[in-house]
Amino acid sequence: MHVPRYILLGHRGSPHQAAENTIESFHKAMEAGAAGFEFDVRRSRDGALVVIHDPRTPSVRITGRRPPRLSVARSSSAALGLPLLEDVLRTFRTAWLDIEIKVPGIERPVIELAHRYLDPSRFVITSFRAGSVREIKRLSPATPAGWLFKRTLLTLPRWIAAPEKFGLPPIEYLCPHHSVLTRHLVKLASQRGLGLITWTVNTPAALRRVRERGANVVITNFPDRFARLK
C-alpha cells in the first residue's frame, strides 16, 4: 500500500466557505489546492448512502423560520436532499478521499462503491467504530482502512498490534486527533508500518507540530489557508 508522504485534506470540504459535507464545500477544498477531503456517510431509511455527519439534518433558518431537523435513519433520501455517496465518488474520483463510516452495517456497500470509482492508492475508509474497521478488513483485505480516536494511547489495541491473532490483515492508518499525536504514538505507528492521519488541524502552530512528527495526511477546516504552505 502506498502511504502519502504528506498531503492536506479539507475537513468535510471547506466548511467555513460553504456548508460542510456538500458538493459546493468539496469543490471549495479542491479549488483551494487541497489534495482532497474527508467526509461522512450514513444510511437513509430507503437504504441510500448519504453524506452527512450528524444523525439529523442541520436546521438552517430560511425566511425567518427553521425547518425541522430530520432523522437520517428514519427519512428517505429524497426527503433529506443530501449528497449521495456515489455522486461524490463519481464527481471527485481523482481526489484523495477519506470516507468516514458513521454507522455500522454499511461497510460492504461503501467498499464496493469506493473500488468502483477510486484508485486504492487515493482513498481510505475510516471509522471511530473498531468493529466497522475490522469488518472492512475482513470483507476486503486490500481496502485501505484507518481507525479514528481521540484519546492518548500508550499501547495499540491488540487487534491492531497483532491482527493475525484475530484472523485479520493489518490496517493501514492510525487516525488520532492532533492533540493526541504524541511522539510515543508516532513510534508505535512506525514500528507497525502504519501511516498517520490527523485531524482537525486548524492553526499554523498545530500544522507545524504534526508535520514535524511525521503525519502523512493532515485534515483541516481551512484548506484555503494551509493547502499551499510548504
Protein backbone atom coordinates (compact mmCIF):
# COMPACT_ATOMS: atom_id res chain seq x y z
CA MET A 1 0.00 0.00 0.00
CA HIS A 2 1.20 3.48 -0.87
CA VAL A 3 1.09 5.90 2.09
CA PRO A 4 1.47 9.53 1.02
CA ARG A 5 4.50 11.36 2.36
CA TYR A 6 2.37 14.40 3.14
CA ILE A 7 -0.98 15.63 1.86
CA LEU A 8 -3.60 18.03 3.21
CA LEU A 9 -7.35 17.37 3.09
CA GLY A 10 -10.35 19.56 3.79
CA HIS A 11 -12.47 18.52 6.77
CA ARG A 12 -15.91 17.89 5.29
CA GLY A 13 -14.74 20.05 2.42
CA SER A 14 -14.02 23.67 3.29
CA PRO A 15 -16.70 24.28 5.93
CA HIS A 16 -16.01 27.94 6.60
CA GLN A 17 -16.56 28.71 2.90
CA ALA A 18 -19.63 26.55 2.25
CA ALA A 19 -21.92 24.24 4.22
CA GLU A 20 -20.00 21.16 5.35
CA ASN A 21 -20.39 17.83 3.53
CA THR A 22 -21.85 19.44 0.42
CA ILE A 23 -20.70 19.29 -3.17
CA GLU A 24 -20.00 23.03 -3.03
CA SER A 25 -17.82 22.60 0.06
CA PHE A 26 -15.88 19.77 -1.60
CA HIS A 27 -15.28 21.90 -4.68
CA LYS A 28 -14.05 24.75 -2.48
CA ALA A 29 -11.48 22.46 -0.85
CA MET A 30 -10.19 21.31 -4.22
CA GLU A 31 -10.09 24.85 -5.59
CA ALA A 32 -8.01 25.88 -2.57
CA GLY A 33 -5.34 23.37 -3.52
CA ALA A 34 -6.12 20.52 -1.11
CA ALA A 35 -5.32 17.01 -2.32
CA GLY A 36 -8.87 16.01 -1.42
CA PHE A 37 -11.22 15.95 1.55
CA GLU A 38 -12.73 13.93 4.39
CA PHE A 39 -16.47 13.33 4.59
CA ASP A 40 -19.06 11.27 6.48
CA VAL A 41 -21.51 8.58 5.38
CA ARG A 42 -24.77 7.32 6.88
CA ARG A 43 -27.70 5.30 5.54
CA SER A 44 -31.19 6.68 4.99
CA ARG A 45 -34.42 4.80 5.62
CA ASP A 46 -34.61 3.64 1.99
CA GLY A 47 -31.05 2.28 2.10
CA ALA A 48 -29.28 5.10 0.27
CA LEU A 49 -25.77 6.03 1.37
CA VAL A 50 -25.93 9.75 2.12
CA VAL A 51 -23.22 12.23 3.07
CA ILE A 52 -23.82 13.83 6.46
CA HIS A 53 -22.04 13.93 9.82
CA ASP A 54 -24.86 14.12 12.36
CA PRO A 55 -27.76 11.67 12.74
CA ARG A 56 -30.17 14.54 11.98
CA THR A 57 -30.14 17.13 9.23
CA PRO A 58 -28.99 20.64 10.20
CA SER A 59 -31.58 23.29 10.92
CA VAL A 60 -30.86 26.26 8.68
CA ARG A 61 -33.01 29.36 9.07
CA ILE A 62 -34.91 30.15 5.85
CA THR A 63 -37.02 33.33 5.55
CA GLY A 64 -37.28 33.74 9.29
CA ARG A 65 -38.12 30.14 10.22
CA ARG A 66 -36.18 26.99 10.95
CA PRO A 67 -37.20 23.78 9.18
CA PRO A 68 -37.47 20.63 11.31
CA ARG A 69 -34.36 18.50 11.74
CA LEU A 70 -34.95 15.16 10.01
CA SER A 71 -33.63 11.84 11.29
CA VAL A 72 -31.37 10.40 8.61
CA ALA A 73 -32.17 6.79 9.54
CA ARG A 74 -35.94 7.45 9.51
CA SER A 75 -36.20 9.58 6.38
CA SER A 76 -35.98 8.81 2.68
CA SER A 77 -33.02 10.07 0.70
CA ALA A 78 -35.40 12.21 -1.39
CA ALA A 79 -36.80 13.90 1.71
CA LEU A 80 -33.33 14.50 3.11
CA GLY A 81 -31.93 16.11 -0.03
CA LEU A 82 -28.36 15.20 0.90
CA PRO A 83 -25.50 14.32 -1.45
CA LEU A 84 -25.29 10.62 -2.25
CA LEU A 85 -22.02 8.80 -1.68
CA GLU A 86 -21.98 7.53 -5.25
CA ASP A 87 -22.36 11.04 -6.66
CA VAL A 88 -19.46 12.30 -4.54
CA LEU A 89 -17.20 9.43 -5.63
CA ARG A 90 -18.14 9.87 -9.28
CA THR A 91 -17.60 13.63 -9.21
CA PHE A 92 -14.31 13.61 -7.28
CA ARG A 93 -12.76 10.37 -8.48
CA THR A 94 -9.32 11.98 -8.97
CA ALA A 95 -9.23 13.49 -5.45
CA TRP A 96 -7.70 11.82 -2.37
CA LEU A 97 -10.73 10.87 -0.25
CA ASP A 98 -11.14 9.95 3.40
CA ILE A 99 -14.53 8.24 3.69
CA GLU A 100 -15.71 8.06 7.29
CA ILE A 101 -18.34 5.45 8.19
CA LYS A 102 -20.62 6.80 10.92
CA VAL A 103 -22.93 3.80 11.43
CA PRO A 104 -22.47 0.01 11.39
CA GLY A 105 -23.82 -2.18 8.62
CA ILE A 106 -22.80 -0.10 5.60
CA GLU A 107 -19.23 -1.36 5.27
CA ARG A 108 -19.83 -3.63 2.27
CA PRO A 109 -21.66 -1.14 0.01
CA VAL A 110 -19.18 1.63 0.89
CA ILE A 111 -16.27 -0.66 -0.04
CA GLU A 112 -17.94 -1.68 -3.31
CA LEU A 113 -18.62 1.91 -4.37
CA ALA A 114 -15.15 3.09 -3.39
CA HIS A 115 -13.50 0.44 -5.53
CA ARG A 116 -15.88 1.12 -8.41
CA TYR A 117 -14.79 4.74 -8.70
CA LEU A 118 -11.45 5.20 -6.93
CA ASP A 119 -7.87 4.00 -7.11
CA PRO A 120 -6.99 2.29 -3.78
CA SER A 121 -3.87 4.44 -3.53
CA ARG A 122 -6.08 7.52 -3.29
CA PHE A 123 -8.63 6.71 -0.63
CA VAL A 124 -9.09 5.35 2.86
CA ILE A 125 -12.20 4.22 4.72
CA THR A 126 -12.13 5.22 8.40
CA SER A 127 -14.31 4.94 11.47
CA PHE A 128 -14.33 5.55 15.21
CA ARG A 129 -16.08 2.20 15.44
CA ALA A 130 -13.43 -0.50 15.84
CA GLY A 131 -15.99 -3.08 14.73
CA SER A 132 -16.50 -1.27 11.44
CA VAL A 133 -12.76 -1.03 10.79
CA ARG A 134 -12.35 -4.75 11.49
CA GLU A 135 -15.30 -5.53 9.22
CA ILE A 136 -13.72 -3.53 6.38
CA LYS A 137 -10.54 -5.60 6.61
CA ARG A 138 -12.49 -8.85 6.93
CA LEU A 139 -14.57 -8.12 3.84
CA SER A 140 -11.78 -6.63 1.74
CA PRO A 141 -8.16 -7.04 2.90
CA ALA A 142 -6.98 -4.80 0.04
CA THR A 143 -9.14 -1.85 1.10
CA PRO A 144 -7.14 0.85 2.92
CA ALA A 145 -8.61 1.34 6.38
CA GLY A 146 -7.95 3.56 9.39
CA TRP A 147 -9.12 3.75 13.00
CA LEU A 148 -10.15 7.15 14.41
CA PHE A 149 -9.60 8.01 18.06
CA LYS A 150 -9.26 10.95 20.40
CA ARG A 151 -7.50 9.56 23.46
CA THR A 152 -3.85 9.17 24.35
CA LEU A 153 -2.57 5.67 23.62
CA LEU A 154 0.34 4.09 25.47
CA THR A 155 -0.11 0.79 23.62
CA LEU A 156 -2.01 -0.17 20.49
CA PRO A 157 -5.19 -2.23 20.78
CA ARG A 158 -4.44 -5.92 20.29
CA TRP A 159 -6.49 -6.13 17.10
CA ILE A 160 -4.15 -3.52 15.59
CA ALA A 161 -0.88 -4.66 17.20
CA ALA A 162 -1.45 -8.35 16.39
CA PRO A 163 -4.26 -8.57 13.82
CA GLU A 164 -3.24 -12.08 12.77
CA LYS A 165 -4.46 -13.33 16.17
CA PHE A 166 -7.92 -12.08 15.20
CA GLY A 167 -7.76 -13.56 11.71
CA LEU A 168 -7.42 -10.12 10.17
CA PRO A 169 -4.97 -8.40 7.85
CA PRO A 170 -3.36 -5.25 9.26
CA ILE A 171 -4.96 -1.86 8.89
CA GLU A 172 -3.07 0.88 7.08
CA TYR A 173 -3.61 4.02 9.18
CA LEU A 174 -3.93 5.27 12.72
CA CYS A 175 -6.13 8.39 12.78
CA PRO A 176 -5.61 10.35 16.03
CA HIS A 177 -6.92 13.80 16.79
CA HIS A 178 -3.95 16.14 16.52
CA SER A 179 -3.96 16.72 20.29
CA VAL A 180 -3.05 13.06 20.93
CA LEU A 181 -0.48 12.69 18.15
CA THR A 182 2.36 12.15 20.62
CA ARG A 183 5.94 11.19 19.82
CA HIS A 184 5.24 7.87 21.52
CA LEU A 185 2.30 7.21 19.20
CA VAL A 186 4.44 8.11 16.20
CA LYS A 187 6.95 5.49 17.37
CA LEU A 188 4.22 2.86 17.78
CA ALA A 189 2.92 3.59 14.29
CA SER A 190 6.41 3.40 12.81
CA GLN A 191 7.04 0.03 14.46
CA ARG A 192 3.90 -1.36 12.81
CA GLY A 193 4.45 0.36 9.47
CA LEU A 194 1.23 2.37 9.86
CA GLY A 195 0.50 5.70 8.23
CA LEU A 196 -0.80 8.61 10.31
CA ILE A 197 -3.91 10.66 9.51
CA THR A 198 -4.56 13.51 11.94
CA TRP A 199 -7.46 15.96 12.34
CA THR A 200 -8.70 18.80 12.77
CA VAL A 201 -5.56 20.86 12.42
CA ASN A 202 -6.71 24.47 12.33
CA THR A 203 -3.77 26.65 13.42
CA PRO A 204 -0.33 27.22 11.92
CA ALA A 205 1.30 26.04 15.16
CA ALA A 206 -0.66 22.77 15.15
CA LEU A 207 0.17 22.25 11.49
CA ARG A 208 3.90 22.71 12.13
CA ARG A 209 3.78 20.31 15.07
CA VAL A 210 2.01 17.45 13.28
CA ARG A 211 4.21 17.84 10.23
CA GLU A 212 7.34 17.73 12.37
CA ARG A 213 6.03 14.49 13.90
CA GLY A 214 5.57 12.92 10.50
CA ALA A 215 1.83 12.98 9.86
CA ASN A 216 1.11 11.63 6.39
CA VAL A 217 -2.37 13.08 5.99
CA VAL A 218 -3.50 16.29 7.70
CA ILE A 219 -7.17 17.28 7.81
CA THR A 220 -8.19 20.91 8.36
CA ASN A 221 -11.26 23.14 8.33
CA PHE A 222 -9.19 25.73 6.47
CA PRO A 223 -7.71 24.21 3.31
CA ASP A 224 -7.73 27.65 1.70
CA ARG A 225 -5.26 28.88 4.35
CA PHE A 226 -2.98 25.86 4.63
CA ALA A 227 -3.05 23.88 1.36
CA ARG A 228 -0.26 25.84 -0.31
CA LEU A 229 2.03 26.08 2.72
CA LYS A 230 5.28 24.17 2.31
